[in-house]
N, C-alpha and C. Protein backbone atom coordinates (compact mmCIF):
# COMPACT_ATOMS: atom_id res chain seq x y z
N UNK A 1 57.01 121.17 48.97
CA UNK A 1 57.86 120.25 49.60
C UNK A 1 57.39 119.95 51.00
N UNK A 2 57.33 118.71 51.19
CA UNK A 2 56.88 118.23 52.49
C UNK A 2 58.06 118.08 53.44
N UNK A 3 57.77 118.41 54.62
CA UNK A 3 58.81 118.25 55.66
C UNK A 3 58.90 116.80 56.06
N UNK A 4 60.14 116.40 56.22
CA UNK A 4 60.26 115.01 56.68
C UNK A 4 59.77 114.91 58.12
N UNK A 5 59.17 113.87 58.39
CA UNK A 5 58.67 113.69 59.74
C UNK A 5 59.73 113.01 60.61
N UNK A 6 59.88 113.57 61.75
CA UNK A 6 60.86 113.01 62.70
C UNK A 6 60.07 112.32 63.78
N UNK A 7 60.42 111.11 63.98
CA UNK A 7 59.70 110.38 65.03
C UNK A 7 60.55 110.38 66.30
N UNK A 8 60.07 110.98 67.30
CA UNK A 8 60.75 111.04 68.59
C UNK A 8 60.34 109.83 69.41
N UNK A 9 61.31 109.33 70.19
CA UNK A 9 60.92 108.20 71.03
C UNK A 9 59.94 108.67 72.10
N UNK A 10 59.34 107.73 72.65
CA UNK A 10 58.38 108.01 73.71
C UNK A 10 59.12 108.66 74.88
N UNK A 11 58.49 109.63 75.50
CA UNK A 11 59.14 110.37 76.59
C UNK A 11 59.54 109.43 77.71
N UNK A 12 58.77 108.47 77.99
CA UNK A 12 59.12 107.53 79.05
C UNK A 12 60.39 106.78 78.69
N UNK A 13 60.61 106.47 77.47
CA UNK A 13 61.82 105.79 77.05
C UNK A 13 63.04 106.71 77.22
N UNK A 14 62.88 107.99 76.94
CA UNK A 14 63.98 108.95 77.14
C UNK A 14 64.41 108.98 78.60
N UNK A 15 63.45 109.06 79.46
CA UNK A 15 63.77 109.11 80.89
C UNK A 15 64.43 107.82 81.37
N UNK A 16 64.02 106.71 80.79
CA UNK A 16 64.65 105.43 81.15
C UNK A 16 66.11 105.43 80.71
N UNK A 17 66.39 105.90 79.51
CA UNK A 17 67.77 105.95 79.00
C UNK A 17 68.61 106.90 79.85
N UNK A 18 68.06 108.06 80.17
CA UNK A 18 68.79 109.03 81.00
C UNK A 18 69.04 108.46 82.39
N UNK A 19 68.06 107.77 82.94
CA UNK A 19 68.21 107.16 84.27
C UNK A 19 69.29 106.08 84.25
N UNK A 20 69.31 105.27 83.21
CA UNK A 20 70.32 104.21 83.11
C UNK A 20 71.71 104.83 82.97
N UNK A 21 71.84 105.86 82.13
CA UNK A 21 73.13 106.54 81.97
C UNK A 21 73.54 107.17 83.31
N UNK A 22 72.61 107.77 84.02
CA UNK A 22 72.90 108.36 85.32
C UNK A 22 73.37 107.32 86.34
N UNK A 23 72.71 106.17 86.39
CA UNK A 23 73.10 105.10 87.31
C UNK A 23 74.50 104.60 86.96
N UNK A 24 74.76 104.43 85.67
CA UNK A 24 76.10 103.99 85.25
C UNK A 24 77.15 105.02 85.64
N UNK A 25 76.82 106.32 85.45
CA UNK A 25 77.77 107.38 85.83
C UNK A 25 78.01 107.38 87.34
N UNK A 26 76.97 107.20 88.13
CA UNK A 26 77.12 107.12 89.59
C UNK A 26 77.97 105.94 90.00
N UNK A 27 77.74 104.79 89.38
CA UNK A 27 78.53 103.59 89.70
C UNK A 27 80.00 103.80 89.34
N UNK A 28 80.25 104.39 88.17
CA UNK A 28 81.63 104.65 87.78
C UNK A 28 82.30 105.67 88.71
N UNK A 29 81.57 106.71 89.11
CA UNK A 29 82.10 107.70 90.05
C UNK A 29 82.41 107.07 91.40
N UNK A 30 81.51 106.23 91.90
CA UNK A 30 81.75 105.55 93.18
C UNK A 30 82.96 104.63 93.08
N UNK A 31 83.05 103.87 91.98
CA UNK A 31 84.20 102.98 91.79
C UNK A 31 85.50 103.78 91.75
N UNK A 32 85.48 104.91 91.03
CA UNK A 32 86.69 105.73 90.92
C UNK A 32 87.12 106.27 92.28
N UNK A 33 86.16 106.79 93.04
CA UNK A 33 86.49 107.40 94.33
C UNK A 33 86.86 106.38 95.41
N UNK A 34 86.18 105.25 95.44
CA UNK A 34 86.34 104.32 96.56
C UNK A 34 87.16 103.08 96.24
N UNK A 35 87.43 102.80 95.01
CA UNK A 35 88.21 101.62 94.67
C UNK A 35 89.49 101.98 93.92
N UNK A 36 89.33 102.69 92.82
CA UNK A 36 90.49 102.97 91.97
C UNK A 36 91.46 103.95 92.61
N UNK A 37 90.97 105.08 93.08
CA UNK A 37 91.81 106.15 93.60
C UNK A 37 92.66 105.72 94.80
N UNK A 38 92.10 105.07 95.84
CA UNK A 38 92.94 104.64 96.97
C UNK A 38 94.01 103.63 96.57
N UNK A 39 93.64 102.69 95.70
CA UNK A 39 94.63 101.71 95.27
C UNK A 39 95.71 102.34 94.41
N UNK A 40 95.33 103.29 93.60
CA UNK A 40 96.33 103.99 92.77
C UNK A 40 97.30 104.76 93.66
N UNK A 41 96.80 105.38 94.74
CA UNK A 41 97.68 106.11 95.66
C UNK A 41 98.61 105.14 96.40
N UNK A 42 98.09 103.99 96.81
CA UNK A 42 98.93 102.99 97.47
C UNK A 42 100.02 102.49 96.53
N UNK A 43 99.64 102.23 95.30
CA UNK A 43 100.62 101.76 94.31
C UNK A 43 101.69 102.82 94.09
N UNK A 44 101.29 104.07 93.98
CA UNK A 44 102.24 105.16 93.78
C UNK A 44 103.19 105.27 94.97
N UNK A 45 102.66 105.15 96.20
CA UNK A 45 103.51 105.21 97.40
C UNK A 45 104.49 104.05 97.45
N UNK A 46 104.02 102.85 97.12
CA UNK A 46 104.90 101.68 97.13
C UNK A 46 105.98 101.79 96.05
N UNK A 47 105.62 102.34 94.90
CA UNK A 47 106.62 102.51 93.84
C UNK A 47 107.70 103.50 94.27
N UNK A 48 107.31 104.61 94.90
CA UNK A 48 108.32 105.58 95.35
C UNK A 48 109.17 104.98 96.47
N UNK A 49 108.56 104.19 97.36
CA UNK A 49 109.33 103.53 98.42
C UNK A 49 110.32 102.53 97.83
N UNK A 50 109.88 101.82 96.80
CA UNK A 50 110.76 100.86 96.14
C UNK A 50 111.93 101.58 95.49
N UNK A 51 111.67 102.72 94.85
CA UNK A 51 112.75 103.49 94.25
C UNK A 51 113.74 103.96 95.32
N UNK A 52 113.22 104.39 96.47
CA UNK A 52 114.07 104.83 97.56
C UNK A 52 114.91 103.66 98.08
N UNK A 53 114.30 102.49 98.21
CA UNK A 53 115.04 101.31 98.67
C UNK A 53 116.12 100.91 97.66
N UNK A 54 115.77 100.99 96.37
CA UNK A 54 116.76 100.68 95.34
C UNK A 54 117.95 101.63 95.42
N UNK A 55 117.68 102.92 95.61
CA UNK A 55 118.76 103.90 95.74
C UNK A 55 119.60 103.61 96.97
N UNK A 56 118.94 103.26 98.08
CA UNK A 56 119.66 102.94 99.31
C UNK A 56 120.54 101.72 99.11
N UNK A 57 120.02 100.70 98.44
CA UNK A 57 120.81 99.50 98.17
C UNK A 57 122.02 99.82 97.29
N UNK A 58 121.83 100.67 96.29
CA UNK A 58 122.96 101.04 95.43
C UNK A 58 124.03 101.78 96.23
N UNK A 59 123.61 102.65 97.12
CA UNK A 59 124.57 103.39 97.96
C UNK A 59 125.32 102.42 98.86
N UNK A 60 124.59 101.50 99.48
CA UNK A 60 125.24 100.52 100.37
C UNK A 60 126.23 99.67 99.58
N UNK A 61 125.82 99.24 98.40
CA UNK A 61 126.71 98.42 97.58
C UNK A 61 127.99 99.16 97.22
N UNK A 62 127.86 100.42 96.82
CA UNK A 62 129.04 101.14 96.35
C UNK A 62 129.92 101.64 97.49
N UNK A 63 129.33 102.05 98.60
CA UNK A 63 130.12 102.62 99.69
C UNK A 63 130.64 101.59 100.68
N UNK A 64 129.77 100.67 101.12
CA UNK A 64 130.18 99.74 102.16
C UNK A 64 130.80 98.46 101.62
N UNK A 65 130.32 98.00 100.49
CA UNK A 65 130.81 96.72 99.96
C UNK A 65 131.20 96.86 98.49
N UNK A 66 132.18 97.69 98.18
CA UNK A 66 132.53 97.89 96.76
C UNK A 66 133.19 96.66 96.14
N UNK A 67 133.83 95.82 96.97
CA UNK A 67 134.53 94.65 96.41
C UNK A 67 133.61 93.46 96.18
N UNK A 68 132.41 93.47 96.76
CA UNK A 68 131.47 92.36 96.58
C UNK A 68 130.56 92.63 95.40
N UNK A 69 130.42 91.64 94.55
CA UNK A 69 129.64 91.84 93.32
C UNK A 69 128.22 91.28 93.42
N UNK A 70 128.02 90.19 94.15
CA UNK A 70 126.69 89.56 94.17
C UNK A 70 125.89 90.03 95.38
N UNK A 71 124.60 90.01 95.21
CA UNK A 71 123.71 90.38 96.30
C UNK A 71 123.78 89.39 97.45
N UNK A 72 124.01 88.11 97.14
CA UNK A 72 124.10 87.09 98.19
C UNK A 72 125.31 87.33 99.09
N UNK A 73 126.43 87.73 98.51
CA UNK A 73 127.63 88.00 99.31
C UNK A 73 127.40 89.21 100.21
N UNK A 74 126.77 90.23 99.68
CA UNK A 74 126.47 91.42 100.47
C UNK A 74 125.50 91.07 101.59
N UNK A 75 124.48 90.27 101.27
CA UNK A 75 123.50 89.87 102.27
C UNK A 75 124.15 89.05 103.39
N UNK A 76 125.08 88.18 103.04
CA UNK A 76 125.75 87.38 104.07
C UNK A 76 126.63 88.27 104.96
N UNK A 77 127.27 89.28 104.38
CA UNK A 77 128.05 90.23 105.19
C UNK A 77 127.15 91.01 106.14
N UNK A 78 126.01 91.47 105.63
CA UNK A 78 125.07 92.21 106.46
C UNK A 78 124.54 91.32 107.58
N UNK A 79 124.24 90.06 107.27
CA UNK A 79 123.74 89.13 108.29
C UNK A 79 124.80 88.89 109.36
N UNK A 80 126.06 88.76 108.95
CA UNK A 80 127.14 88.57 109.93
C UNK A 80 127.27 89.80 110.83
N UNK A 81 127.15 90.98 110.24
CA UNK A 81 127.22 92.21 111.02
C UNK A 81 126.04 92.31 111.99
N UNK A 82 124.86 91.91 111.53
CA UNK A 82 123.67 91.93 112.38
C UNK A 82 123.85 90.98 113.56
N UNK A 83 124.35 89.77 113.29
CA UNK A 83 124.57 88.80 114.38
C UNK A 83 125.58 89.32 115.39
N UNK A 84 126.63 89.98 114.90
CA UNK A 84 127.63 90.56 115.80
C UNK A 84 127.01 91.63 116.69
N UNK A 85 126.20 92.51 116.08
CA UNK A 85 125.56 93.57 116.85
C UNK A 85 124.53 93.02 117.83
N UNK A 86 123.81 91.96 117.44
CA UNK A 86 122.87 91.34 118.37
C UNK A 86 123.60 90.75 119.58
N UNK A 87 124.78 90.20 119.34
CA UNK A 87 125.58 89.70 120.45
C UNK A 87 125.98 90.83 121.40
N UNK A 88 126.35 91.97 120.84
CA UNK A 88 126.68 93.14 121.67
C UNK A 88 125.47 93.61 122.47
N UNK A 89 124.31 93.64 121.82
CA UNK A 89 123.09 94.08 122.51
C UNK A 89 122.78 93.14 123.67
N UNK A 90 122.88 91.85 123.43
CA UNK A 90 122.60 90.88 124.51
C UNK A 90 123.60 91.04 125.64
N UNK A 91 124.86 91.31 125.30
CA UNK A 91 125.89 91.49 126.33
C UNK A 91 125.56 92.71 127.19
N UNK A 92 125.18 93.81 126.56
CA UNK A 92 124.85 95.02 127.32
C UNK A 92 123.54 94.88 128.09
N UNK A 93 122.58 94.17 127.50
CA UNK A 93 121.33 93.95 128.23
C UNK A 93 121.56 93.12 129.48
N UNK A 94 122.47 92.16 129.41
CA UNK A 94 122.74 91.34 130.59
C UNK A 94 123.41 92.15 131.70
N UNK A 95 124.07 93.24 131.33
CA UNK A 95 124.71 94.09 132.34
C UNK A 95 123.73 95.05 133.00
N UNK A 96 122.57 95.26 132.38
CA UNK A 96 121.59 96.17 132.97
C UNK A 96 121.04 95.58 134.27
N UNK A 97 120.82 96.44 135.22
CA UNK A 97 120.25 96.00 136.49
C UNK A 97 118.75 95.74 136.31
N UNK A 98 118.20 94.96 137.23
CA UNK A 98 116.76 94.73 137.24
C UNK A 98 116.07 95.84 138.00
N UNK A 99 114.77 95.93 137.80
CA UNK A 99 113.96 96.93 138.49
C UNK A 99 114.06 96.75 140.00
N UNK A 100 114.17 95.51 140.44
CA UNK A 100 114.24 95.20 141.87
C UNK A 100 115.57 95.61 142.49
N UNK A 101 116.56 95.88 141.68
CA UNK A 101 117.90 96.19 142.19
C UNK A 101 118.15 97.69 142.35
N UNK A 102 117.14 98.51 142.18
CA UNK A 102 117.36 99.95 142.27
C UNK A 102 117.81 100.38 143.66
N UNK A 103 117.32 99.73 144.70
CA UNK A 103 117.77 100.11 146.05
C UNK A 103 119.25 99.77 146.23
N UNK A 104 119.69 98.65 145.67
CA UNK A 104 121.12 98.30 145.73
C UNK A 104 121.95 99.30 144.92
N UNK A 105 121.39 99.76 143.79
CA UNK A 105 122.09 100.74 142.97
C UNK A 105 122.28 102.03 143.76
N UNK A 106 121.25 102.45 144.47
CA UNK A 106 121.37 103.66 145.29
C UNK A 106 122.45 103.50 146.35
N UNK A 107 122.51 102.32 146.97
CA UNK A 107 123.56 102.05 147.97
C UNK A 107 124.94 102.11 147.32
N UNK A 108 125.07 101.51 146.12
CA UNK A 108 126.36 101.52 145.43
C UNK A 108 126.77 102.94 145.05
N UNK A 109 125.83 103.73 144.61
CA UNK A 109 126.15 105.11 144.24
C UNK A 109 126.56 105.90 145.48
N UNK A 110 125.86 105.70 146.58
CA UNK A 110 126.23 106.39 147.83
C UNK A 110 127.62 105.97 148.29
N UNK A 111 127.92 104.65 148.23
CA UNK A 111 129.24 104.15 148.62
C UNK A 111 130.33 104.70 147.68
N UNK A 112 130.03 104.72 146.38
CA UNK A 112 130.99 105.23 145.40
C UNK A 112 131.26 106.71 145.63
N UNK A 113 130.22 107.47 145.91
CA UNK A 113 130.43 108.91 146.14
C UNK A 113 131.24 109.14 147.41
N UNK A 114 131.06 108.30 148.42
CA UNK A 114 131.87 108.40 149.64
C UNK A 114 133.33 108.06 149.33
N UNK A 115 133.54 107.03 148.50
CA UNK A 115 134.91 106.60 148.15
C UNK A 115 135.66 107.68 147.38
N UNK A 116 134.98 108.43 146.52
CA UNK A 116 135.67 109.46 145.73
C UNK A 116 135.75 110.80 146.45
N UNK A 117 135.14 110.90 147.62
CA UNK A 117 135.29 112.11 148.42
C UNK A 117 134.17 113.12 148.29
N UNK A 118 132.98 112.66 147.95
CA UNK A 118 131.82 113.55 147.91
C UNK A 118 131.27 113.73 149.32
N UNK A 119 130.83 114.92 149.61
CA UNK A 119 130.05 115.17 150.82
C UNK A 119 128.60 115.28 150.35
N UNK A 120 127.82 114.20 150.54
CA UNK A 120 126.46 114.15 150.00
C UNK A 120 125.53 114.98 150.87
N UNK A 121 124.89 115.97 150.25
CA UNK A 121 123.90 116.79 150.95
C UNK A 121 122.50 116.24 150.71
N UNK A 122 122.25 115.69 149.53
CA UNK A 122 120.94 115.11 149.21
C UNK A 122 121.11 114.04 148.14
N UNK A 123 120.37 112.96 148.30
CA UNK A 123 120.35 111.86 147.33
C UNK A 123 118.91 111.36 147.28
N UNK A 124 118.22 111.65 146.18
CA UNK A 124 116.82 111.27 146.12
C UNK A 124 116.44 110.79 144.72
N UNK A 125 115.79 109.63 144.65
CA UNK A 125 115.23 109.21 143.37
C UNK A 125 113.99 110.04 143.06
N UNK A 126 113.88 110.49 141.82
CA UNK A 126 112.78 111.38 141.45
C UNK A 126 111.64 110.62 140.78
N UNK A 127 111.88 110.06 139.64
CA UNK A 127 110.80 109.42 138.90
C UNK A 127 111.28 108.11 138.31
N UNK A 128 110.37 107.19 138.21
CA UNK A 128 110.64 105.88 137.64
C UNK A 128 109.70 105.71 136.46
N UNK A 129 110.25 105.56 135.25
CA UNK A 129 109.42 105.46 134.05
C UNK A 129 109.84 104.28 133.20
N UNK A 130 108.88 103.77 132.43
CA UNK A 130 109.15 102.70 131.49
C UNK A 130 109.37 103.32 130.12
N UNK A 131 110.55 103.07 129.54
CA UNK A 131 110.88 103.60 128.21
C UNK A 131 111.12 102.41 127.29
N UNK A 132 110.29 102.26 126.30
CA UNK A 132 110.33 101.15 125.35
C UNK A 132 110.46 99.84 126.12
N UNK A 133 111.61 99.18 126.08
CA UNK A 133 111.77 97.90 126.75
C UNK A 133 112.55 98.03 128.05
N UNK A 134 112.88 99.23 128.45
CA UNK A 134 113.72 99.43 129.62
C UNK A 134 113.07 100.36 130.62
N UNK A 135 113.51 100.27 131.85
CA UNK A 135 113.06 101.16 132.91
C UNK A 135 114.10 102.26 133.08
N UNK A 136 113.65 103.40 133.51
CA UNK A 136 114.56 104.51 133.75
C UNK A 136 114.21 105.14 135.09
N UNK A 137 115.24 105.46 135.86
CA UNK A 137 115.04 106.11 137.14
C UNK A 137 115.86 107.38 137.15
N UNK A 138 115.22 108.49 137.50
CA UNK A 138 115.94 109.76 137.63
C UNK A 138 116.39 109.89 139.07
N UNK A 139 117.61 110.32 139.24
CA UNK A 139 118.21 110.41 140.56
C UNK A 139 118.84 111.79 140.69
N UNK A 140 118.49 112.52 141.73
CA UNK A 140 119.08 113.83 141.99
C UNK A 140 120.04 113.71 143.16
N UNK A 141 121.23 114.24 142.96
CA UNK A 141 122.24 114.25 144.02
C UNK A 141 122.72 115.69 144.19
N UNK A 142 122.89 116.10 145.41
CA UNK A 142 123.50 117.39 145.68
C UNK A 142 124.69 117.10 146.58
N UNK A 143 125.86 117.50 146.14
CA UNK A 143 127.09 117.14 146.85
C UNK A 143 128.00 118.36 146.96
N UNK A 144 128.89 118.30 147.93
CA UNK A 144 130.00 119.24 148.02
C UNK A 144 131.24 118.45 147.62
N UNK A 145 131.95 118.97 146.65
CA UNK A 145 133.10 118.23 146.17
C UNK A 145 134.00 119.13 145.34
N UNK A 146 135.18 118.62 145.10
CA UNK A 146 136.07 119.29 144.15
C UNK A 146 135.83 118.70 142.77
N UNK A 147 136.25 119.42 141.75
CA UNK A 147 135.99 119.00 140.38
C UNK A 147 136.69 117.68 140.06
N UNK A 148 137.87 117.47 140.57
CA UNK A 148 138.59 116.22 140.31
C UNK A 148 137.83 115.02 140.88
N UNK A 149 137.20 115.22 142.05
CA UNK A 149 136.40 114.14 142.63
C UNK A 149 135.18 113.82 141.75
N UNK A 150 134.61 114.86 141.14
CA UNK A 150 133.51 114.65 140.23
C UNK A 150 133.95 113.82 139.02
N UNK A 151 135.11 114.14 138.49
CA UNK A 151 135.63 113.36 137.35
C UNK A 151 135.88 111.91 137.77
N UNK A 152 136.43 111.70 138.96
CA UNK A 152 136.65 110.34 139.44
C UNK A 152 135.32 109.59 139.58
N UNK A 153 134.31 110.28 140.09
CA UNK A 153 133.00 109.67 140.24
C UNK A 153 132.43 109.25 138.89
N UNK A 154 132.52 110.13 137.90
CA UNK A 154 131.98 109.82 136.57
C UNK A 154 132.75 108.68 135.91
N UNK A 155 134.05 108.61 136.13
CA UNK A 155 134.84 107.51 135.58
C UNK A 155 134.47 106.18 136.23
N UNK A 156 134.26 106.19 137.52
CA UNK A 156 133.98 104.95 138.24
C UNK A 156 132.53 104.50 138.10
N UNK A 157 131.62 105.42 137.78
CA UNK A 157 130.23 105.01 137.60
C UNK A 157 130.05 104.18 136.33
N UNK A 158 130.99 104.34 135.39
CA UNK A 158 130.94 103.54 134.16
C UNK A 158 131.18 102.06 134.45
N UNK A 159 131.85 101.74 135.55
CA UNK A 159 132.15 100.35 135.88
C UNK A 159 130.99 99.66 136.59
N UNK A 160 130.00 100.41 137.01
CA UNK A 160 128.86 99.84 137.72
C UNK A 160 127.91 99.17 136.72
N UNK A 161 127.04 98.28 137.21
CA UNK A 161 126.11 97.58 136.29
C UNK A 161 124.90 98.45 135.93
N UNK A 162 125.14 99.71 135.66
CA UNK A 162 124.08 100.62 135.24
C UNK A 162 124.56 101.39 134.02
N UNK A 163 123.63 101.96 133.31
CA UNK A 163 123.97 102.81 132.18
C UNK A 163 123.35 104.17 132.40
N UNK A 164 124.17 105.18 132.72
CA UNK A 164 123.59 106.52 132.85
C UNK A 164 123.07 106.99 131.49
N UNK A 165 121.82 107.32 131.44
CA UNK A 165 121.21 107.77 130.18
C UNK A 165 121.54 109.23 129.93
N UNK A 166 121.45 110.05 130.95
CA UNK A 166 121.83 111.45 130.80
C UNK A 166 122.30 111.95 132.15
N UNK A 167 123.19 112.92 132.12
CA UNK A 167 123.73 113.50 133.34
C UNK A 167 123.65 115.01 133.20
N UNK A 168 123.05 115.65 134.19
CA UNK A 168 122.97 117.10 134.21
C UNK A 168 123.75 117.57 135.44
N UNK A 169 124.67 118.49 135.24
CA UNK A 169 125.52 118.97 136.33
C UNK A 169 125.30 120.47 136.48
N UNK A 170 125.05 120.89 137.71
CA UNK A 170 124.89 122.31 138.03
C UNK A 170 125.93 122.64 139.09
N UNK A 171 126.91 123.46 138.75
CA UNK A 171 128.00 123.78 139.67
C UNK A 171 127.74 125.16 140.27
N UNK A 172 127.83 125.24 141.61
CA UNK A 172 127.54 126.48 142.34
C UNK A 172 128.81 127.30 142.49
N UNK A 173 128.66 128.45 143.11
CA UNK A 173 129.81 129.33 143.35
C UNK A 173 130.76 128.70 144.35
N UNK A 174 131.92 129.24 144.49
CA UNK A 174 133.04 128.65 145.17
C UNK A 174 132.89 128.32 146.67
N UNK A 175 132.36 129.14 147.54
CA UNK A 175 132.53 128.85 148.96
C UNK A 175 132.07 127.45 149.39
N UNK A 176 130.92 127.00 148.93
CA UNK A 176 130.49 125.67 149.39
C UNK A 176 130.80 124.57 148.37
N UNK A 177 131.29 124.93 147.19
CA UNK A 177 131.62 123.97 146.14
C UNK A 177 130.47 122.99 145.87
N UNK A 178 129.27 123.49 145.88
CA UNK A 178 128.11 122.62 145.67
C UNK A 178 128.00 122.17 144.23
N UNK A 179 127.72 120.90 144.04
CA UNK A 179 127.53 120.33 142.71
C UNK A 179 126.22 119.56 142.76
N UNK A 180 125.40 119.78 141.78
CA UNK A 180 124.13 119.08 141.73
C UNK A 180 124.12 118.18 140.51
N UNK A 181 123.91 116.89 140.70
CA UNK A 181 123.90 115.92 139.61
C UNK A 181 122.49 115.39 139.44
N UNK A 182 122.03 115.31 138.22
CA UNK A 182 120.79 114.61 137.89
C UNK A 182 121.17 113.45 136.99
N UNK A 183 121.02 112.23 137.45
CA UNK A 183 121.36 111.05 136.68
C UNK A 183 120.07 110.36 136.24
N UNK A 184 120.01 109.93 135.01
CA UNK A 184 118.93 109.05 134.55
C UNK A 184 119.57 107.68 134.32
N UNK A 185 119.07 106.68 135.02
CA UNK A 185 119.70 105.37 135.01
C UNK A 185 118.77 104.38 134.33
N UNK A 186 119.29 103.63 133.35
CA UNK A 186 118.51 102.63 132.65
C UNK A 186 118.64 101.29 133.34
N UNK A 187 117.56 100.53 133.34
CA UNK A 187 117.57 99.16 133.87
C UNK A 187 116.53 98.35 133.12
N UNK A 188 116.64 97.02 133.25
CA UNK A 188 115.66 96.14 132.59
C UNK A 188 114.40 96.08 133.41
């Protein structure tokens, strides 16, 4: 019995086929890593964000607007609420002092503290910083006063054209009744 003869392709042809398969594998790997994978991750992130937004919309619909059935009615209510809040923001922004008015603000604070019965030991602006769209000035005051005068001062400072951002109060022991105030004042 004779053995069947097997004809092998030329070695050069084998290497050509392997090289072509290798190039195709490299191209597919590059496409997967640099095109498919990033887009798939973006799509997955957008899908989860969409699910979160859908859940948020369902919560808003059921809790805030249970009597409204259509999305257009809910949207018009939200738009009306937004317009109302924008009007409030504009009203409060118009009450903010300008950066140029800080010296007048210091005079008003000094006059107000005199009116409520503070004995001012120190009044000094510390730092002036820009925060988002507004300016902020830190002001340190050291006064001798009674607690009731401090309450009067805090009540009357609300009527001024400034918005205290934060107030830090340090009250000393009794003999000198020293009170130290740190005010952060917002302005445009």
